[in-house]
């Protein structure tokens, strides 16, 4: 393989890895339950029948995991704060210890304040949940803000809405279809209120982690073009435009609850940077008149689009196509669409599922995506950082423990951590950057 692409990036570029609380912390008995605890307890919801009650037990083994971060040589660690844990007695003490350990190791803490594990007593269909989120953010910021300087409000509200509230494949397991739209609006409102709460606490380095990918029409036929346009609106523009432009795409705002015009002023609070999670493009065509099984999901026939296979590319063990150039396309498209309304970008997630400790496929994946990212920067996109998903193999939501995204292998029986070949590749690339100063 050619020279590690890390050496091409600016010396002040931010390198990190990402995780989320529910997927790695374990210690479920030491916090309030979340919607994912309730969902996982329902028979048949998780494909391998597992739960995240123990997971990799990061809660008790965080010092070992911070040592792995230190050995990797990353600048920053993106983790999430568990809202249910913070609501529990002594819950914030864990994040105090974690942040102290990170700072002591020279790793910048970058917390995400909501990554899908909503307290089971709350509901995104209710507007009041956004207000409760802002209160929770204030509590966390007051406790950690003396050491935490970079914050993320919410992770992937699009997926949490689509999979959890519209299709029922994720917690809380609702199948509301388009009646799920209030959950999207209230998460976006929570984001804006969270930004306000962080600003009030003195924070000045705030972003969101939205998932995006190019939408490719299945053909140039009118029906496929219209379906692809609708999908792009639903999964991309409905979550980027309110945040970056302070407005919904035409017609969408009419479907949202409450005083939408007033809410958009909050949702559009200026950000210091915009986080993008990228995995793959989506190929979309006109409805085919029947339910479609795709990527572990059932796409109902009544939706005004169908998701198709992307042919001609390798796939991960999850079956996702590996399309590095899609990242270049996405970023240059964002820069063109939003212009000076687009703040600096950080890639807050990018990664892949492969088995094995000698994971050469993951190295190829990361190498290709970093080169694609650099091409976008050469084209003028202001990208300031990149976070690999993920540090550890973990509980992969409805897939259970069947998918391995980690740079570090976790034996789920013994919880032993074993760095993979990809960990060594990233470590060596970061060391080379430090030696060359480039």
Protein backbone atom coordinates (compact mmCIF):
# COMPACT_ATOMS: atom_id res chain seq x y z
CA UNK A 1 0.00 0.00 0.00
CA UNK A 2 1.18 3.53 -0.71
CA UNK A 3 2.32 5.97 1.96
CA UNK A 4 -0.21 6.38 4.78
CA UNK A 5 -2.51 9.27 3.75
CA UNK A 6 -2.45 10.74 7.25
CA UNK A 7 0.83 12.42 6.34
CA UNK A 8 -1.00 14.56 3.75
CA UNK A 9 -3.21 16.35 6.30
CA UNK A 10 -2.44 19.64 8.06
CA UNK A 11 -0.51 19.46 11.33
CA UNK A 12 -3.46 20.94 13.26
CA UNK A 13 -5.99 18.46 11.83
CA UNK A 14 -7.93 16.73 14.64
CA UNK A 15 -7.69 12.92 14.74
CA UNK A 16 -9.97 10.86 16.95
CA UNK A 17 -12.08 7.79 17.47
CA UNK A 18 -15.73 7.51 18.48
CA UNK A 19 -17.94 5.35 20.72
CA UNK A 20 -21.35 5.64 22.36
CA UNK A 21 -22.42 4.99 25.94
CA UNK A 22 -25.07 2.32 25.40
CA UNK A 23 -22.86 0.37 23.04
CA UNK A 24 -19.80 0.08 25.30
CA UNK A 25 -20.44 1.09 28.91
CA UNK A 26 -22.37 -1.86 30.31
CA UNK A 27 -23.15 -1.45 34.03
CA UNK A 28 -26.82 -1.20 33.11
CA UNK A 29 -27.84 -1.97 36.69
CA UNK A 30 -26.04 1.13 37.89
CA UNK A 31 -28.23 3.60 36.01
CA UNK A 32 -31.85 4.26 35.08
CA UNK A 33 -33.16 2.23 32.14
CA UNK A 34 -33.24 3.64 28.62
CA UNK A 35 -35.55 2.95 25.69
CA UNK A 36 -32.86 0.58 24.39
CA UNK A 37 -32.99 -1.51 27.58
CA UNK A 38 -36.75 -1.85 27.17
CA UNK A 39 -36.46 -2.59 23.44
CA UNK A 40 -33.75 -5.21 23.91
CA UNK A 41 -35.86 -7.00 26.53
CA UNK A 42 -38.59 -7.68 23.97
CA UNK A 43 -38.11 -11.12 22.35
CA UNK A 44 -36.96 -10.98 18.74
CA UNK A 45 -35.91 -7.33 18.76
CA UNK A 46 -32.14 -8.00 18.83
CA UNK A 47 -31.02 -10.46 16.18
CA UNK A 48 -28.67 -12.49 18.37
CA UNK A 49 -30.84 -12.11 21.49
CA UNK A 50 -28.17 -10.13 23.34
CA UNK A 51 -28.43 -6.97 25.40
CA UNK A 52 -25.95 -4.23 26.29
CA UNK A 53 -26.23 -4.94 30.02
CA UNK A 54 -22.50 -5.68 30.15
CA UNK A 55 -21.29 -4.82 26.63
CA UNK A 56 -17.48 -4.28 26.70
CA UNK A 57 -17.87 -2.98 30.30
CA UNK A 58 -16.19 0.34 29.58
CA UNK A 59 -17.78 1.69 32.76
CA UNK A 60 -15.46 -0.46 34.87
CA UNK A 61 -12.56 -0.74 32.38
CA UNK A 62 -12.32 2.86 31.19
CA UNK A 63 -8.72 3.23 32.38
CA UNK A 64 -7.69 0.33 30.16
CA UNK A 65 -9.54 1.89 27.24
CA UNK A 66 -7.99 5.30 27.79
CA UNK A 67 -4.59 3.58 27.75
CA UNK A 68 -5.54 2.17 24.34
CA UNK A 69 -6.41 5.68 23.18
CA UNK A 70 -3.10 6.98 24.46
CA UNK A 71 -1.22 4.18 22.71
CA UNK A 72 -3.08 4.89 19.50
CA UNK A 73 -1.91 8.49 19.57
CA UNK A 74 -5.22 10.17 18.71
CA UNK A 75 -5.85 13.78 19.65
CA UNK A 76 -9.44 13.31 20.78
CA UNK A 77 -12.00 10.78 21.99
CA UNK A 78 -15.62 11.19 21.04
CA UNK A 79 -17.81 9.36 23.58
CA UNK A 80 -21.41 9.89 24.59
CA UNK A 81 -22.85 10.80 27.95
CA UNK A 82 -25.69 8.53 29.03
CA UNK A 83 -28.68 10.65 29.95
CA UNK A 84 -30.15 7.79 32.03
CA UNK A 85 -26.85 7.47 33.92
CA UNK A 86 -26.71 11.20 34.65
CA UNK A 87 -30.24 10.95 36.08
CA UNK A 88 -29.00 8.23 38.47
CA UNK A 89 -27.28 8.83 41.78
CA UNK A 90 -23.58 9.41 41.24
CA UNK A 91 -23.92 9.02 37.49
CA UNK A 92 -21.93 12.11 36.61
CA UNK A 93 -19.08 10.88 38.79
CA UNK A 94 -18.21 8.34 36.11
CA UNK A 95 -17.84 11.04 33.46
CA UNK A 96 -15.76 13.11 35.89
CA UNK A 97 -13.38 10.17 36.24
CA UNK A 98 -13.35 9.48 32.51
CA UNK A 99 -12.66 13.10 31.58
CA UNK A 100 -9.90 13.34 34.17
CA UNK A 101 -8.31 10.16 32.83
CA UNK A 102 -8.49 11.47 29.26
CA UNK A 103 -6.98 14.82 30.17
CA UNK A 104 -4.22 13.08 32.10
CA UNK A 105 -3.43 11.03 28.99
CA UNK A 106 -3.37 14.09 26.75
CA UNK A 107 -6.53 13.06 24.88
CA UNK A 108 -9.18 15.73 24.30
CA UNK A 109 -12.66 14.68 25.57
CA UNK A 110 -15.44 15.30 23.03
CA UNK A 111 -18.78 14.24 24.55
CA UNK A 112 -21.99 13.69 22.59
CA UNK A 113 -24.93 14.54 24.80
CA UNK A 114 -27.51 12.29 23.16
CA UNK A 115 -26.74 9.10 21.25
CA UNK A 116 -30.13 7.34 21.12
CA UNK A 117 -30.34 6.08 24.75
CA UNK A 118 -33.31 8.17 25.84
CA UNK A 119 -34.47 7.66 29.44
CA UNK A 120 -37.38 5.24 29.29
CA UNK A 121 -39.72 7.73 30.97
CA UNK A 122 -39.26 10.32 28.18
CA UNK A 123 -40.60 10.40 24.63
CA UNK A 124 -39.40 12.35 21.57
CA UNK A 125 -43.00 12.61 20.39
CA UNK A 126 -43.54 14.98 23.32
CA UNK A 127 -42.28 18.56 22.98
CA UNK A 128 -41.39 18.70 26.66
CA UNK A 129 -38.54 16.23 26.06
CA UNK A 130 -36.61 18.98 24.25
CA UNK A 131 -36.87 21.20 27.32
CA UNK A 132 -35.78 18.34 29.58
CA UNK A 133 -32.78 17.80 27.30
CA UNK A 134 -31.68 21.41 27.73
CA UNK A 135 -31.87 21.05 31.52
CA UNK A 136 -29.76 17.89 31.36
CA UNK A 137 -27.20 19.60 29.10
CA UNK A 138 -26.86 22.43 31.62
CA UNK A 139 -26.15 19.95 34.41
CA UNK A 140 -23.47 18.13 32.39
CA UNK A 141 -21.85 21.35 31.16
CA UNK A 142 -21.68 22.80 34.66
CA UNK A 143 -19.91 19.65 35.91
CA UNK A 144 -17.54 18.98 33.01
CA UNK A 145 -17.16 22.34 31.27
CA UNK A 146 -13.94 23.25 33.07
CA UNK A 147 -12.18 20.41 31.18
CA UNK A 148 -14.40 19.72 28.16
CA UNK A 149 -14.07 22.34 25.44
CA UNK A 150 -15.57 20.60 22.39
CA UNK A 151 -19.21 19.44 22.51
CA UNK A 152 -21.70 17.55 20.32
CA UNK A 153 -25.40 17.96 21.04
CA UNK A 154 -27.18 15.06 19.29
CA UNK A 155 -26.14 12.10 17.17
CA UNK A 156 -28.01 11.08 14.02
CA UNK A 157 -31.56 12.30 14.65
CA UNK A 158 -32.43 11.05 11.14
CA UNK A 159 -31.70 7.41 11.97
CA UNK A 160 -33.25 7.66 15.42
CA UNK A 161 -36.43 8.97 13.79
CA UNK A 162 -36.52 6.61 10.81
CA UNK A 163 -35.42 3.34 12.44
CA UNK A 164 -36.82 3.94 15.92
CA UNK A 165 -40.07 5.80 15.31
CA UNK A 166 -41.07 5.23 11.68
CA UNK A 167 -39.99 1.64 10.85
CA UNK A 168 -39.72 0.08 14.33
CA UNK A 169 -36.34 -1.57 13.76
CA UNK A 170 -34.65 0.33 16.62
CA UNK A 171 -35.79 1.55 20.02
CA UNK A 172 -38.39 2.60 20.94
CA UNK A 173 -39.76 0.25 18.26
CA UNK A 174 -42.60 2.32 16.84
CA UNK A 175 -43.94 1.92 13.31
CA UNK A 176 -45.50 5.33 12.83
CA UNK A 177 -44.28 6.00 9.28
CA UNK A 178 -44.80 9.72 8.58
CA UNK A 179 -46.48 10.23 11.95
CA UNK A 180 -42.93 9.96 13.33
CA UNK A 181 -42.08 13.46 12.08
CA UNK A 182 -42.67 15.12 15.49
CA UNK A 183 -39.80 13.01 16.86
CA UNK A 184 -37.52 14.56 14.23
CA UNK A 185 -38.66 18.10 15.01
CA UNK A 186 -38.33 17.69 18.76
CA UNK A 187 -34.81 16.29 18.46
CA UNK A 188 -33.82 19.25 16.29
CA UNK A 189 -35.43 21.61 18.78
CA UNK A 190 -33.52 19.85 21.57
CA UNK A 191 -30.34 20.41 19.61
CA UNK A 192 -30.99 24.15 19.39
CA UNK A 193 -31.92 24.40 23.07
CA UNK A 194 -28.82 22.35 23.88
CA UNK A 195 -26.65 24.81 21.96
CA UNK A 196 -28.20 27.66 23.96
CA UNK A 197 -27.57 25.82 27.23
CA UNK A 198 -23.94 25.15 26.29
CA UNK A 199 -23.41 28.79 25.28
CA UNK A 200 -24.86 29.89 28.61
CA UNK A 201 -22.32 27.63 30.31
CA UNK A 202 -19.48 29.30 28.41
CA UNK A 203 -18.91 26.73 25.66
CA UNK A 204 -17.61 28.05 22.34
CA UNK A 205 -16.81 24.90 20.32
CA UNK A 206 -20.15 23.22 19.57
CA UNK A 207 -21.39 20.97 16.79
CA UNK A 208 -23.94 18.29 15.92
CA UNK A 209 -23.34 14.82 14.44
CA UNK A 210 -25.73 14.37 11.51
CA UNK A 211 -25.50 11.36 9.21
CA UNK A 212 -25.39 12.07 5.49
CA UNK A 213 -24.64 10.32 2.25
CA UNK A 214 -25.18 10.96 -1.45
CA UNK A 215 -28.50 9.79 -2.86
CA UNK A 216 -28.06 8.08 -6.23
CA UNK A 217 -31.17 7.64 -8.41
CA UNK A 218 -31.60 4.10 -9.70
CA UNK A 219 -31.97 5.48 -13.25
CA UNK A 220 -32.69 8.70 -15.11
CA UNK A 221 -36.37 7.74 -15.38
CA UNK A 222 -38.67 10.38 -13.93
CA UNK A 223 -40.11 8.07 -11.27
CA UNK A 224 -36.66 7.14 -9.98
CA UNK A 225 -35.49 10.76 -9.98
CA UNK A 226 -38.53 11.88 -8.01
CA UNK A 227 -38.15 9.03 -5.51
CA UNK A 228 -34.46 9.81 -5.02
CA UNK A 229 -35.27 13.48 -4.52
CA UNK A 230 -37.82 12.64 -1.85
CA UNK A 231 -35.43 10.29 -0.06
CA UNK A 232 -32.70 12.93 -0.10
CA UNK A 233 -35.10 15.46 1.38
CA UNK A 234 -36.22 13.03 4.09
CA UNK A 235 -32.82 11.72 5.21
CA UNK A 236 -30.45 14.55 4.34
CA UNK A 237 -32.04 17.97 3.80
CA UNK A 238 -34.68 17.68 6.54
CA UNK A 239 -31.87 17.49 9.10
CA UNK A 240 -29.22 19.74 7.53
CA UNK A 241 -31.34 22.67 6.33
CA UNK A 242 -32.95 23.60 9.66
CA UNK A 243 -29.57 23.53 11.40
CA UNK A 244 -27.56 25.34 8.72
CA UNK A 245 -30.20 27.53 7.03
CA UNK A 246 -32.79 27.94 9.77
CA UNK A 247 -35.52 26.54 7.55
CA UNK A 248 -37.07 23.26 6.50
CA UNK A 249 -37.18 22.23 2.84
CA UNK A 250 -40.33 23.48 1.14
CA UNK A 251 -43.48 21.82 2.48
CA UNK A 252 -41.80 20.00 5.38
CA UNK A 253 -42.38 22.70 7.99
CA UNK A 254 -46.14 22.43 7.42
CA UNK A 255 -45.99 18.85 8.72
CA UNK A 256 -44.23 19.70 11.97
CA UNK A 257 -45.90 20.42 15.33
CA UNK A 258 -45.96 23.66 17.29
CA UNK A 259 -44.84 27.15 16.34
CA UNK A 260 -42.40 25.95 13.68
CA UNK A 261 -41.23 29.42 12.69
CA UNK A 262 -40.22 30.24 16.26
CA UNK A 263 -38.66 26.81 16.74
CA UNK A 264 -36.51 27.21 13.64
CA UNK A 265 -34.89 30.29 15.15
CA UNK A 266 -33.74 28.03 17.98
CA UNK A 267 -32.83 25.06 15.78
CA UNK A 268 -30.70 27.33 13.59
CA UNK A 269 -28.52 28.60 16.45
CA UNK A 270 -25.07 29.22 14.91
CA UNK A 271 -22.60 26.35 15.26
CA UNK A 272 -18.82 26.39 15.46
CA UNK A 273 -18.59 23.33 13.25
CA UNK A 274 -20.83 20.76 11.57
CA UNK A 275 -20.35 17.04 12.20
CA UNK A 276 -20.99 14.51 9.44
CA UNK A 277 -21.22 10.75 9.89
CA UNK A 278 -20.54 9.05 6.54
CA UNK A 279 -20.83 5.37 5.64
CA UNK A 280 -22.13 4.98 2.07
CA UNK A 281 -24.36 6.44 -0.64
CA UNK A 282 -27.91 5.16 -1.05
CA UNK A 283 -29.33 4.08 -4.40
CA UNK A 284 -33.03 4.93 -4.58
CA UNK A 285 -35.77 4.26 -7.09
CA UNK A 286 -39.52 4.41 -7.48
CA UNK A 287 -41.68 2.15 -5.28
CA UNK A 288 -41.76 -1.48 -6.44
CA UNK A 289 -45.11 -2.43 -4.95
CA UNK A 290 -43.84 -4.77 -2.26
CA UNK A 291 -41.86 -4.72 0.98
CA UNK A 292 -38.11 -4.85 0.43
CA UNK A 293 -35.54 -6.36 2.80
CA UNK A 294 -32.48 -4.15 2.72
CA UNK A 295 -29.54 -3.86 5.10
CA UNK A 296 -31.40 -5.71 7.83
CA UNK A 297 -34.45 -3.47 7.50
CA UNK A 298 -37.86 -3.94 5.97
CA UNK A 299 -38.67 -1.03 3.65
CA UNK A 300 -42.49 -0.95 3.47
CA UNK A 301 -44.14 -0.92 0.06
CA UNK A 302 -46.23 2.13 0.94
CA UNK A 303 -43.19 4.42 1.11
CA UNK A 304 -42.81 6.64 -1.97
CA UNK A 305 -39.36 5.21 -2.72
CA UNK A 306 -37.47 1.91 -2.71
CA UNK A 307 -33.85 1.35 -1.72
CA UNK A 308 -31.81 -0.64 -4.25
CA UNK A 309 -28.48 -2.45 -4.16
CA UNK A 310 -25.38 -0.53 -5.25
CA UNK A 311 -23.53 -2.85 -7.59
CA UNK A 312 -19.90 -2.83 -8.65
CA UNK A 313 -18.36 -2.07 -5.25
CA UNK A 314 -16.95 -4.30 -2.50
CA UNK A 315 -19.11 -4.65 0.59
CA UNK A 316 -18.38 -4.87 4.31
CA UNK A 317 -19.42 -7.81 6.47
CA UNK A 318 -22.56 -5.79 7.16
CA UNK A 319 -23.30 -5.75 3.43
CA UNK A 320 -22.72 -2.01 3.11
CA UNK A 321 -21.02 -0.87 -0.12
CA UNK A 322 -17.53 0.60 0.21
CA UNK A 323 -17.62 3.85 -1.77
CA UNK A 324 -14.88 6.26 -0.66
CA UNK A 325 -15.58 8.67 -3.51
CA UNK A 326 -19.06 9.13 -2.06
CA UNK A 327 -17.45 11.08 0.78
CA UNK A 328 -15.80 13.47 -1.67
CA UNK A 329 -19.10 13.86 -3.52
CA UNK A 330 -20.99 14.49 -0.29
CA UNK A 331 -18.60 17.12 1.04
CA UNK A 332 -18.19 19.06 -2.18
CA UNK A 333 -21.97 18.95 -2.62
CA UNK A 334 -22.46 20.36 0.88
CA UNK A 335 -20.01 23.17 0.21
CA UNK A 336 -21.80 24.01 -3.02
CA UNK A 337 -25.27 23.88 -1.48
CA UNK A 338 -24.62 25.81 1.73
CA UNK A 339 -21.76 28.10 0.75
CA UNK A 340 -20.72 30.40 3.57
CA UNK A 341 -23.57 29.05 5.72
CA UNK A 342 -21.55 25.85 6.15
CA UNK A 343 -19.18 26.13 9.11
CA UNK A 344 -16.00 24.05 9.27
CA UNK A 345 -16.78 20.32 8.96
CA UNK A 346 -15.66 17.45 11.19
CA UNK A 347 -16.18 13.84 10.12
CA UNK A 348 -17.61 12.56 13.40
CA UNK A 349 -18.02 8.93 12.24
CA UNK A 350 -16.60 6.80 9.45
CA UNK A 351 -15.91 3.11 9.72
CA UNK A 352 -16.80 -0.43 8.73
CA UNK A 353 -17.71 -3.87 10.03
CA UNK A 354 -15.22 -6.69 9.40
CA UNK A 355 -14.36 -9.83 11.34
CA UNK A 356 -10.88 -10.78 12.46
CA UNK A 357 -7.92 -9.19 14.21
CA UNK A 358 -5.80 -9.08 11.03
CA UNK A 359 -8.37 -6.74 9.48
CA UNK A 360 -6.67 -5.70 6.26
CA UNK A 361 -10.07 -4.84 4.75
CA UNK A 362 -10.56 -2.15 7.40
CA UNK A 363 -7.14 -0.71 6.63
CA UNK A 364 -8.06 -0.54 2.93
CA UNK A 365 -11.37 1.07 3.86
CA UNK A 366 -9.81 3.75 6.06
CA UNK A 367 -7.00 4.43 3.61
CA UNK A 368 -9.49 4.96 0.78
CA UNK A 369 -11.79 7.20 2.78
CA UNK A 370 -8.96 9.36 4.08
CA UNK A 371 -7.74 9.88 0.52
CA UNK A 372 -11.30 10.78 -0.52
CA UNK A 373 -11.53 13.20 2.40
CA UNK A 374 -8.26 14.83 1.39
CA UNK A 375 -9.51 15.26 -2.18
CA UNK A 376 -12.54 17.14 -0.81
CA UNK A 377 -10.21 19.40 1.16
CA UNK A 378 -8.11 20.02 -1.95
CA UNK A 379 -11.36 21.03 -3.69
CA UNK A 380 -11.85 23.72 -1.05
CA UNK A 381 -14.02 22.09 1.64
CA UNK A 382 -12.99 23.25 5.11
CA UNK A 383 -12.63 19.99 7.05
CA UNK A 384 -10.99 20.19 10.47
CA UNK A 385 -11.11 16.65 11.86
CA UNK A 386 -11.86 12.95 11.41
CA UNK A 387 -13.12 10.37 13.92
CA UNK A 388 -13.01 6.63 13.20
CA UNK A 389 -15.98 4.55 14.23
CA UNK A 390 -15.11 2.82 16.48
CA UNK A 391 -12.48 2.29 19.17
CA UNK A 392 -13.97 -1.00 20.40
CA UNK A 393 -16.09 -3.80 19.04
CA UNK A 394 -19.45 -3.17 20.68
CA UNK A 395 -23.19 -3.73 20.90
CA UNK A 396 -24.32 -2.84 17.38
CA UNK A 397 -27.92 -1.93 18.19
CA UNK A 398 -30.47 -4.34 16.65
CA UNK A 399 -27.61 -6.50 15.31
CA UNK A 400 -26.42 -7.22 18.84
CA UNK A 401 -22.81 -8.42 18.93
CA UNK A 402 -22.87 -9.78 15.38
CA UNK A 403 -21.03 -6.81 13.82
CA UNK A 404 -17.52 -5.67 14.67
CA UNK A 405 -16.62 -2.04 13.93
CA UNK A 406 -13.71 -1.74 16.37
CA UNK A 407 -10.04 -0.97 15.93
CA UNK A 408 -9.76 -3.12 19.05
CA UNK A 409 -11.20 -6.64 19.24
CA UNK A 410 -13.29 -7.45 22.31
CA UNK A 411 -13.78 -11.03 23.47
CA UNK A 412 -17.31 -10.81 24.81
CA UNK A 413 -16.78 -13.76 27.18
CA UNK A 414 -13.59 -12.52 28.85
CA UNK A 415 -13.80 -8.82 27.80
CA UNK A 416 -10.12 -9.03 26.81
CA UNK A 417 -9.09 -6.24 24.43
CA UNK A 418 -6.80 -7.05 21.48
CA UNK A 419 -5.68 -4.25 19.15
CA UNK A 420 -6.24 -5.17 15.51
CA UNK A 421 -4.01 -4.58 12.51
CA UNK A 422 -6.04 -1.43 11.76
CA UNK A 423 -5.19 -0.05 15.21
CA UNK A 424 -1.48 -0.47 14.41
CA UNK A 425 -1.96 1.11 10.97
CA UNK A 426 -3.65 4.18 12.43
CA UNK A 427 -1.11 4.40 15.27
CA UNK A 428 1.82 4.24 12.88
CA UNK A 429 0.25 6.87 10.61
CA UNK A 430 -0.27 9.22 13.53
CA UNK A 431 3.29 8.66 14.74
CA UNK A 432 4.59 9.46 11.27
CA UNK A 433 2.58 12.70 11.31
CA UNK A 434 4.13 13.65 14.63
CA UNK A 435 7.65 12.95 13.34
CA UNK A 436 7.23 14.88 10.10
CA UNK A 437 5.07 17.65 11.54
CA UNK A 438 2.75 17.29 8.53
